[in-house]
All heavy atoms as atom14 arrays in JSON, in Angstrom:
{
  "sequence": "YLLKNLSWIIKKVVKHMYESDYKIELEKHIFSISGEIMRK",
  "atom14_mask": [
    [1, 1, 1, 1, 1, 1, 1, 1, 1, 1, 1, 1, 0, 0],
    [1, 1, 1, 1, 1, 1, 1, 1, 0, 0, 0, 0, 0, 0],
    [1, 1, 1, 1, 1, 1, 1, 1, 0, 0, 0, 0, 0, 0],
    [1, 1, 1, 1, 1, 1, 1, 1, 1, 0, 0, 0, 0, 0],
    [1, 1, 1, 1, 1, 1, 1, 1, 0, 0, 0, 0, 0, 0],
    [1, 1, 1, 1, 1, 1, 1, 1, 0, 0, 0, 0, 0, 0],
    [1, 1, 1, 1, 1, 1, 0, 0, 0, 0, 0, 0, 0, 0],
    [1, 1, 1, 1, 1, 1, 1, 1, 1, 1, 1, 1, 1, 1],
    [1, 1, 1, 1, 1, 1, 1, 1, 0, 0, 0, 0, 0, 0],
    [1, 1, 1, 1, 1, 1, 1, 1, 0, 0, 0, 0, 0, 0],
    [1, 1, 1, 1, 1, 1, 1, 1, 1, 0, 0, 0, 0, 0],
    [1, 1, 1, 1, 1, 1, 1, 1, 1, 0, 0, 0, 0, 0],
    [1, 1, 1, 1, 1, 1, 1, 0, 0, 0, 0, 0, 0, 0],
    [1, 1, 1, 1, 1, 1, 1, 0, 0, 0, 0, 0, 0, 0],
    [1, 1, 1, 1, 1, 1, 1, 1, 1, 0, 0, 0, 0, 0],
    [1, 1, 1, 1, 1, 1, 1, 1, 1, 1, 0, 0, 0, 0],
    [1, 1, 1, 1, 1, 1, 1, 1, 0, 0, 0, 0, 0, 0],
    [1, 1, 1, 1, 1, 1, 1, 1, 1, 1, 1, 1, 0, 0],
    [1, 1, 1, 1, 1, 1, 1, 1, 1, 0, 0, 0, 0, 0],
    [1, 1, 1, 1, 1, 1, 0, 0, 0, 0, 0, 0, 0, 0],
    [1, 1, 1, 1, 1, 1, 1, 1, 0, 0, 0, 0, 0, 0],
    [1, 1, 1, 1, 1, 1, 1, 1, 1, 1, 1, 1, 0, 0],
    [1, 1, 1, 1, 1, 1, 1, 1, 1, 0, 0, 0, 0, 0],
    [1, 1, 1, 1, 1, 1, 1, 1, 0, 0, 0, 0, 0, 0],
    [1, 1, 1, 1, 1, 1, 1, 1, 1, 0, 0, 0, 0, 0],
    [1, 1, 1, 1, 1, 1, 1, 1, 0, 0, 0, 0, 0, 0],
    [1, 1, 1, 1, 1, 1, 1, 1, 1, 0, 0, 0, 0, 0],
    [1, 1, 1, 1, 1, 1, 1, 1, 1, 0, 0, 0, 0, 0],
    [1, 1, 1, 1, 1, 1, 1, 1, 1, 1, 0, 0, 0, 0],
    [1, 1, 1, 1, 1, 1, 1, 1, 0, 0, 0, 0, 0, 0],
    [1, 1, 1, 1, 1, 1, 1, 1, 1, 1, 1, 0, 0, 0],
    [1, 1, 1, 1, 1, 1, 0, 0, 0, 0, 0, 0, 0, 0],
    [1, 1, 1, 1, 1, 1, 1, 1, 0, 0, 0, 0, 0, 0],
    [1, 1, 1, 1, 1, 1, 0, 0, 0, 0, 0, 0, 0, 0],
    [1, 1, 1, 1, 0, 0, 0, 0, 0, 0, 0, 0, 0, 0],
    [1, 1, 1, 1, 1, 1, 1, 1, 1, 0, 0, 0, 0, 0],
    [1, 1, 1, 1, 1, 1, 1, 1, 0, 0, 0, 0, 0, 0],
    [1, 1, 1, 1, 1, 1, 1, 1, 0, 0, 0, 0, 0, 0],
    [1, 1, 1, 1, 1, 1, 1, 1, 1, 1, 1, 0, 0, 0],
    [1, 1, 1, 1, 1, 1, 1, 1, 1, 0, 0, 0, 0, 0]
  ],
  "atom14_positions": [
    [[84.02, 121.64, 81.12], [85.46, 121.37, 81.11], [85.85, 120.51, 82.3], [86.6, 119.54, 82.16], [86.24, 122.69, 81.11], [87.73, 122.51, 81.24], [88.49, 122.21, 80.11], [88.36, 122.62, 82.46], [89.86, 122.02, 80.22], [89.73, 122.45, 82.57], [90.48, 122.15, 81.46], [91.83, 121.96, 81.57], [0.0, 0.0, 0.0], [0.0, 0.0, 0.0]],
    [[85.32, 120.87, 83.47], [85.63, 120.12, 84.68], [85.15, 118.67, 84.56], [85.87, 117.74, 84.9], [84.99, 120.79, 85.9], [85.21, 120.1, 87.24], [86.69, 120.05, 87.57], [84.45, 120.82, 88.32], [0.0, 0.0, 0.0], [0.0, 0.0, 0.0], [0.0, 0.0, 0.0], [0.0, 0.0, 0.0], [0.0, 0.0, 0.0], [0.0, 0.0, 0.0]],
    [[83.93, 118.49, 84.07], [83.39, 117.13, 83.93], [84.22, 116.31, 82.94], [84.48, 115.13, 83.17], [81.92, 117.18, 83.5], [80.94, 117.7, 84.54], [79.54, 117.83, 83.95], [80.92, 116.81, 85.77], [0.0, 0.0, 0.0], [0.0, 0.0, 0.0], [0.0, 0.0, 0.0], [0.0, 0.0, 0.0], [0.0, 0.0, 0.0], [0.0, 0.0, 0.0]],
    [[84.62, 116.92, 81.84], [85.41, 116.2, 80.85], [86.78, 115.82, 81.4], [87.36, 114.81, 81.02], [85.6, 117.05, 79.59], [84.36, 117.17, 78.75], [84.61, 118.03, 77.54], [83.34, 118.23, 76.74], [83.54, 119.16, 75.62], [0.0, 0.0, 0.0], [0.0, 0.0, 0.0], [0.0, 0.0, 0.0], [0.0, 0.0, 0.0], [0.0, 0.0, 0.0]],
    [[87.31, 116.64, 82.29], [88.66, 116.41, 82.8], [88.66, 115.82, 84.21], [89.72, 115.69, 84.82], [89.45, 117.71, 82.78], [89.74, 118.14, 81.37], [90.55, 117.53, 80.69], [89.03, 119.16, 80.91], [0.0, 0.0, 0.0], [0.0, 0.0, 0.0], [0.0, 0.0, 0.0], [0.0, 0.0, 0.0], [0.0, 0.0, 0.0], [0.0, 0.0, 0.0]],
    [[87.5, 115.45, 84.71], [87.4, 114.91, 86.06], [88.25, 113.66, 86.22], [88.93, 113.48, 87.23], [85.94, 114.62, 86.41], [85.65, 114.31, 87.86], [86.12, 115.45, 88.75], [84.16, 114.08, 88.06], [0.0, 0.0, 0.0], [0.0, 0.0, 0.0], [0.0, 0.0, 0.0], [0.0, 0.0, 0.0], [0.0, 0.0, 0.0], [0.0, 0.0, 0.0]],
    [[88.24, 112.8, 85.23], [89.04, 111.58, 85.28], [90.51, 111.92, 85.47], [91.2, 111.33, 86.28], [88.84, 110.78, 84.0], [89.74, 109.72, 83.94], [0.0, 0.0, 0.0], [0.0, 0.0, 0.0], [0.0, 0.0, 0.0], [0.0, 0.0, 0.0], [0.0, 0.0, 0.0], [0.0, 0.0, 0.0], [0.0, 0.0, 0.0], [0.0, 0.0, 0.0]],
    [[90.99, 112.88, 84.73], [92.38, 113.31, 84.83], [92.67, 113.88, 86.21], [93.69, 113.59, 86.81], [92.67, 114.34, 83.74], [94.06, 114.88, 83.78], [95.17, 114.29, 83.27], [94.5, 116.1, 84.39], [96.28, 115.07, 83.5], [95.88, 116.19, 84.19], [93.84, 117.11, 85.07], [96.63, 117.27, 84.65], [94.59, 118.19, 85.53], [95.97, 118.25, 85.32]],
    [[91.75, 114.69, 86.72], [91.91, 115.3, 88.04], [91.94, 114.22, 89.12], [92.8, 114.24, 90.01], [90.79, 116.33, 88.3], [90.93, 117.51, 87.36], [90.79, 116.78, 89.76], [89.73, 118.43, 87.31], [0.0, 0.0, 0.0], [0.0, 0.0, 0.0], [0.0, 0.0, 0.0], [0.0, 0.0, 0.0], [0.0, 0.0, 0.0], [0.0, 0.0, 0.0]],
    [[91.03, 113.27, 89.05], [90.99, 112.2, 90.04], [92.29, 111.4, 90.0], [92.85, 111.05, 91.04], [89.76, 111.3, 89.82], [88.49, 112.07, 90.19], [89.86, 110.01, 90.62], [87.21, 111.37, 89.82], [0.0, 0.0, 0.0], [0.0, 0.0, 0.0], [0.0, 0.0, 0.0], [0.0, 0.0, 0.0], [0.0, 0.0, 0.0], [0.0, 0.0, 0.0]],
    [[92.77, 111.12, 88.8], [94.04, 110.4, 88.68], [95.18, 111.16, 89.36], [96.0, 110.57, 90.05], [94.39, 110.16, 87.21], [93.59, 109.06, 86.55], [94.03, 108.9, 85.12], [93.29, 107.79, 84.43], [93.75, 107.61, 83.04], [0.0, 0.0, 0.0], [0.0, 0.0, 0.0], [0.0, 0.0, 0.0], [0.0, 0.0, 0.0], [0.0, 0.0, 0.0]],
    [[95.21, 112.47, 89.17], [96.25, 113.28, 89.78], [96.16, 113.23, 91.31], [97.17, 113.11, 92.0], [96.17, 114.74, 89.3], [96.62, 114.94, 87.89], [98.12, 114.82, 87.83], [98.61, 115.16, 86.44], [100.02, 114.91, 86.27], [0.0, 0.0, 0.0], [0.0, 0.0, 0.0], [0.0, 0.0, 0.0], [0.0, 0.0, 0.0], [0.0, 0.0, 0.0]],
    [[94.93, 113.33, 91.83], [94.73, 113.29, 93.28], [95.16, 111.94, 93.83], [95.87, 111.85, 94.84], [93.26, 113.61, 93.64], [92.97, 113.31, 95.1], [92.92, 115.05, 93.31], [0.0, 0.0, 0.0], [0.0, 0.0, 0.0], [0.0, 0.0, 0.0], [0.0, 0.0, 0.0], [0.0, 0.0, 0.0], [0.0, 0.0, 0.0], [0.0, 0.0, 0.0]],
    [[94.73, 110.86, 93.19], [95.07, 109.51, 93.64], [96.58, 109.31, 93.58], [97.18, 108.79, 94.52], [94.32, 108.44, 92.82], [94.86, 107.05, 93.09], [92.82, 108.51, 93.12], [0.0, 0.0, 0.0], [0.0, 0.0, 0.0], [0.0, 0.0, 0.0], [0.0, 0.0, 0.0], [0.0, 0.0, 0.0], [0.0, 0.0, 0.0], [0.0, 0.0, 0.0]],
    [[97.21, 109.72, 92.51], [98.66, 109.57, 92.37], [99.39, 110.36, 93.46], [100.35, 109.89, 94.06], [99.11, 110.03, 90.97], [100.57, 109.81, 90.72], [100.94, 108.33, 90.7], [102.39, 108.16, 90.33], [102.82, 106.79, 90.32], [0.0, 0.0, 0.0], [0.0, 0.0, 0.0], [0.0, 0.0, 0.0], [0.0, 0.0, 0.0], [0.0, 0.0, 0.0]],
    [[98.91, 111.57, 93.74], [99.5, 112.39, 94.79], [99.38, 111.68, 96.14], [100.35, 111.64, 96.92], [98.84, 113.76, 94.85], [99.35, 114.62, 95.95], [100.59, 115.2, 95.93], [98.79, 114.97, 97.13], [100.78, 115.88, 97.05], [99.7, 115.76, 97.79], [0.0, 0.0, 0.0], [0.0, 0.0, 0.0], [0.0, 0.0, 0.0], [0.0, 0.0, 0.0]],
    [[98.21, 111.11, 96.42], [98.02, 110.38, 97.67], [98.95, 109.18, 97.74], [99.53, 108.89, 98.78], [96.56, 109.93, 97.82], [95.59, 111.03, 98.14], [93.91, 110.44, 98.23], [93.97, 109.42, 99.69], [0.0, 0.0, 0.0], [0.0, 0.0, 0.0], [0.0, 0.0, 0.0], [0.0, 0.0, 0.0], [0.0, 0.0, 0.0], [0.0, 0.0, 0.0]],
    [[99.09, 108.48, 96.62], [99.93, 107.29, 96.57], [101.39, 107.62, 96.87], [102.11, 106.84, 97.47], [99.8, 106.61, 95.2], [100.6, 105.34, 95.09], [100.14, 104.16, 95.68], [101.81, 105.3, 94.42], [100.87, 102.98, 95.6], [102.54, 104.13, 94.33], [102.06, 102.98, 94.92], [102.79, 101.82, 94.84], [0.0, 0.0, 0.0], [0.0, 0.0, 0.0]],
    [[101.82, 108.79, 96.44], [103.21, 109.2, 96.63], [103.42, 109.97, 97.94], [104.51, 110.49, 98.17], [103.67, 110.02, 95.44], [103.75, 109.2, 94.17], [104.03, 110.02, 92.93], [103.86, 111.26, 92.97], [104.41, 109.41, 91.91], [0.0, 0.0, 0.0], [0.0, 0.0, 0.0], [0.0, 0.0, 0.0], [0.0, 0.0, 0.0], [0.0, 0.0, 0.0]],
    [[102.41, 110.03, 98.77], [102.51, 110.78, 100.02], [102.48, 109.85, 101.23], [102.54, 108.63, 101.1], [101.34, 111.77, 100.11], [100.14, 111.08, 100.44], [0.0, 0.0, 0.0], [0.0, 0.0, 0.0], [0.0, 0.0, 0.0], [0.0, 0.0, 0.0], [0.0, 0.0, 0.0], [0.0, 0.0, 0.0], [0.0, 0.0, 0.0], [0.0, 0.0, 0.0]],
    [[102.35, 110.45, 102.38], [102.23, 109.68, 103.62], [100.91, 108.92, 103.71], [100.71, 108.12, 104.62], [102.35, 110.61, 104.84], [103.74, 111.19, 104.98], [104.69, 110.61, 104.42], [103.88, 112.23, 105.66], [0.0, 0.0, 0.0], [0.0, 0.0, 0.0], [0.0, 0.0, 0.0], [0.0, 0.0, 0.0], [0.0, 0.0, 0.0], [0.0, 0.0, 0.0]],
    [[99.99, 109.17, 102.78], [98.67, 108.52, 102.79], [98.65, 107.23, 101.95], [97.59, 106.64, 101.75], [97.59, 109.47, 102.29], [97.4, 110.65, 103.2], [97.93, 111.89, 102.89], [96.68, 110.52, 104.39], [97.77, 112.98, 103.73], [96.5, 111.59, 105.24], [97.06, 112.82, 104.9], [96.89, 113.89, 105.75], [0.0, 0.0, 0.0], [0.0, 0.0, 0.0]],
    [[99.8, 106.81, 101.49], [99.88, 105.62, 100.62], [99.25, 104.4, 101.29], [98.45, 103.7, 100.66], [101.33, 105.33, 100.26], [101.52, 104.09, 99.41], [102.98, 103.85, 99.1], [103.14, 102.61, 98.24], [104.52, 102.38, 97.86], [0.0, 0.0, 0.0], [0.0, 0.0, 0.0], [0.0, 0.0, 0.0], [0.0, 0.0, 0.0], [0.0, 0.0, 0.0]],
    [[99.57, 104.14, 102.54], [99.05, 102.97, 103.22], [97.53, 103.06, 103.36], [96.82, 102.07, 103.13], [99.73, 102.78, 104.6], [101.2, 102.39, 104.36], [99.02, 101.73, 105.43], [102.04, 102.37, 105.61], [0.0, 0.0, 0.0], [0.0, 0.0, 0.0], [0.0, 0.0, 0.0], [0.0, 0.0, 0.0], [0.0, 0.0, 0.0], [0.0, 0.0, 0.0]],
    [[97.02, 104.25, 103.69], [95.57, 104.42, 103.8], [94.88, 104.21, 102.45], [93.82, 103.61, 102.38], [95.22, 105.81, 104.36], [95.44, 105.95, 105.84], [96.9, 106.2, 106.21], [97.73, 106.46, 105.3], [97.22, 106.11, 107.4], [0.0, 0.0, 0.0], [0.0, 0.0, 0.0], [0.0, 0.0, 0.0], [0.0, 0.0, 0.0], [0.0, 0.0, 0.0]],
    [[95.51, 104.7, 101.38], [94.96, 104.51, 100.05], [94.91, 103.03, 99.7], [93.9, 102.52, 99.2], [95.77, 105.28, 99.01], [95.33, 105.12, 97.55], [93.93, 105.67, 97.35], [96.32, 105.81, 96.62], [0.0, 0.0, 0.0], [0.0, 0.0, 0.0], [0.0, 0.0, 0.0], [0.0, 0.0, 0.0], [0.0, 0.0, 0.0], [0.0, 0.0, 0.0]],
    [[95.99, 102.31, 99.98], [96.04, 100.87, 99.69], [95.0, 100.12, 100.52], [94.35, 99.21, 100.0], [97.44, 100.33, 99.94], [98.44, 100.79, 98.9], [99.86, 100.34, 99.18], [100.14, 99.85, 100.3], [100.71, 100.49, 98.28], [0.0, 0.0, 0.0], [0.0, 0.0, 0.0], [0.0, 0.0, 0.0], [0.0, 0.0, 0.0], [0.0, 0.0, 0.0]],
    [[94.83, 100.49, 101.77], [93.81, 99.85, 102.62], [92.42, 100.12, 102.06], [91.56, 99.23, 102.06], [93.9, 100.37, 104.06], [95.06, 99.83, 104.84], [95.07, 100.42, 106.25], [96.25, 99.95, 107.05], [96.29, 100.58, 108.4], [0.0, 0.0, 0.0], [0.0, 0.0, 0.0], [0.0, 0.0, 0.0], [0.0, 0.0, 0.0], [0.0, 0.0, 0.0]],
    [[92.2, 101.34, 101.61], [90.89, 101.7, 101.05], [90.62, 100.9, 99.77], [89.52, 100.37, 99.57], [90.83, 103.2, 100.77], [89.52, 103.68, 100.31], [88.39, 103.68, 101.11], [89.12, 104.16, 99.1], [87.37, 104.15, 100.42], [87.78, 104.44, 99.21], [0.0, 0.0, 0.0], [0.0, 0.0, 0.0], [0.0, 0.0, 0.0], [0.0, 0.0, 0.0]],
    [[91.61, 100.8, 98.92], [91.47, 100.01, 97.69], [91.19, 98.55, 98.03], [90.31, 97.92, 97.43], [92.73, 100.16, 96.8], [92.81, 101.57, 96.21], [92.74, 99.1, 95.7], [94.1, 101.88, 95.49], [0.0, 0.0, 0.0], [0.0, 0.0, 0.0], [0.0, 0.0, 0.0], [0.0, 0.0, 0.0], [0.0, 0.0, 0.0], [0.0, 0.0, 0.0]],
    [[91.9, 98.01, 99.01], [91.69, 96.63, 99.43], [90.27, 96.44, 99.97], [89.59, 95.46, 99.65], [92.74, 96.23, 100.48], [92.74, 94.77, 100.81], [93.27, 93.85, 99.92], [92.22, 94.31, 102.0], [93.28, 92.49, 100.21], [92.22, 92.96, 102.3], [92.75, 92.05, 101.41], [0.0, 0.0, 0.0], [0.0, 0.0, 0.0], [0.0, 0.0, 0.0]],
    [[89.81, 97.39, 100.76], [88.47, 97.31, 101.34], [87.38, 97.35, 100.26], [86.46, 96.53, 100.26], [88.28, 98.46, 102.33], [86.97, 98.5, 102.82], [0.0, 0.0, 0.0], [0.0, 0.0, 0.0], [0.0, 0.0, 0.0], [0.0, 0.0, 0.0], [0.0, 0.0, 0.0], [0.0, 0.0, 0.0], [0.0, 0.0, 0.0], [0.0, 0.0, 0.0]],
    [[87.5, 98.29, 99.35], [86.5, 98.41, 98.27], [86.54, 97.18, 97.38], [85.49, 96.66, 96.97], [86.73, 99.7, 97.46], [86.34, 100.91, 98.31], [85.95, 99.69, 96.17], [86.63, 102.24, 97.68], [0.0, 0.0, 0.0], [0.0, 0.0, 0.0], [0.0, 0.0, 0.0], [0.0, 0.0, 0.0], [0.0, 0.0, 0.0], [0.0, 0.0, 0.0]],
    [[87.73, 96.69, 97.08], [87.86, 95.48, 96.26], [87.17, 94.31, 96.96], [86.52, 93.48, 96.31], [89.34, 95.14, 96.03], [89.97, 96.16, 95.31], [0.0, 0.0, 0.0], [0.0, 0.0, 0.0], [0.0, 0.0, 0.0], [0.0, 0.0, 0.0], [0.0, 0.0, 0.0], [0.0, 0.0, 0.0], [0.0, 0.0, 0.0], [0.0, 0.0, 0.0]],
    [[87.31, 94.24, 98.27], [86.64, 93.18, 99.04], [85.13, 93.27, 98.95], [84.46, 92.26, 98.75], [0.0, 0.0, 0.0], [0.0, 0.0, 0.0], [0.0, 0.0, 0.0], [0.0, 0.0, 0.0], [0.0, 0.0, 0.0], [0.0, 0.0, 0.0], [0.0, 0.0, 0.0], [0.0, 0.0, 0.0], [0.0, 0.0, 0.0], [0.0, 0.0, 0.0]],
    [[84.6, 94.47, 99.1], [83.14, 94.64, 98.98], [82.65, 94.18, 97.62], [81.66, 93.46, 97.52], [82.77, 96.12, 99.17], [82.72, 96.58, 100.58], [82.27, 98.03, 100.66], [81.24, 98.37, 100.04], [82.96, 98.81, 101.35], [0.0, 0.0, 0.0], [0.0, 0.0, 0.0], [0.0, 0.0, 0.0], [0.0, 0.0, 0.0], [0.0, 0.0, 0.0]],
    [[83.34, 94.62, 96.59], [82.94, 94.26, 95.22], [82.98, 92.75, 95.02], [82.02, 92.15, 94.53], [83.88, 94.96, 94.2], [83.63, 96.46, 94.21], [83.69, 94.38, 92.8], [84.68, 97.27, 93.48], [0.0, 0.0, 0.0], [0.0, 0.0, 0.0], [0.0, 0.0, 0.0], [0.0, 0.0, 0.0], [0.0, 0.0, 0.0], [0.0, 0.0, 0.0]],
    [[84.08, 92.12, 95.42], [84.23, 90.69, 95.18], [83.29, 89.85, 96.07], [82.74, 88.86, 95.6], [85.68, 90.25, 95.36], [86.62, 90.81, 94.31], [86.05, 90.75, 92.59], [85.62, 89.05, 92.37], [0.0, 0.0, 0.0], [0.0, 0.0, 0.0], [0.0, 0.0, 0.0], [0.0, 0.0, 0.0], [0.0, 0.0, 0.0], [0.0, 0.0, 0.0]],
    [[83.09, 90.25, 97.31], [82.16, 89.5, 98.17], [80.75, 89.52, 97.59], [80.08, 88.49, 97.54], [82.18, 90.04, 99.6], [83.37, 89.56, 100.41], [83.27, 89.93, 101.87], [83.29, 91.38, 102.09], [84.41, 92.12, 102.17], [85.58, 91.54, 102.04], [84.34, 93.4, 102.39], [0.0, 0.0, 0.0], [0.0, 0.0, 0.0], [0.0, 0.0, 0.0]],
    [[80.31, 90.69, 97.15], [78.96, 90.8, 96.57], [78.86, 89.97, 95.3], [77.87, 89.27, 95.08], [78.62, 92.26, 96.28], [78.32, 93.06, 97.52], [78.04, 94.51, 97.18], [77.81, 95.33, 98.44], [77.61, 96.75, 98.15], [0.0, 0.0, 0.0], [0.0, 0.0, 0.0], [0.0, 0.0, 0.0], [0.0, 0.0, 0.0], [0.0, 0.0, 0.0]]
  ]
}
């Protein structure tokens, strides 16, 4: 059940972070990971 719903759980965690004081850190992390992917 957990594995099947992991995507949903991750989405909830990410959305919660986005709507919290961690929004800037989340955006920086997304920017950093996007950079790694695109540079490679």
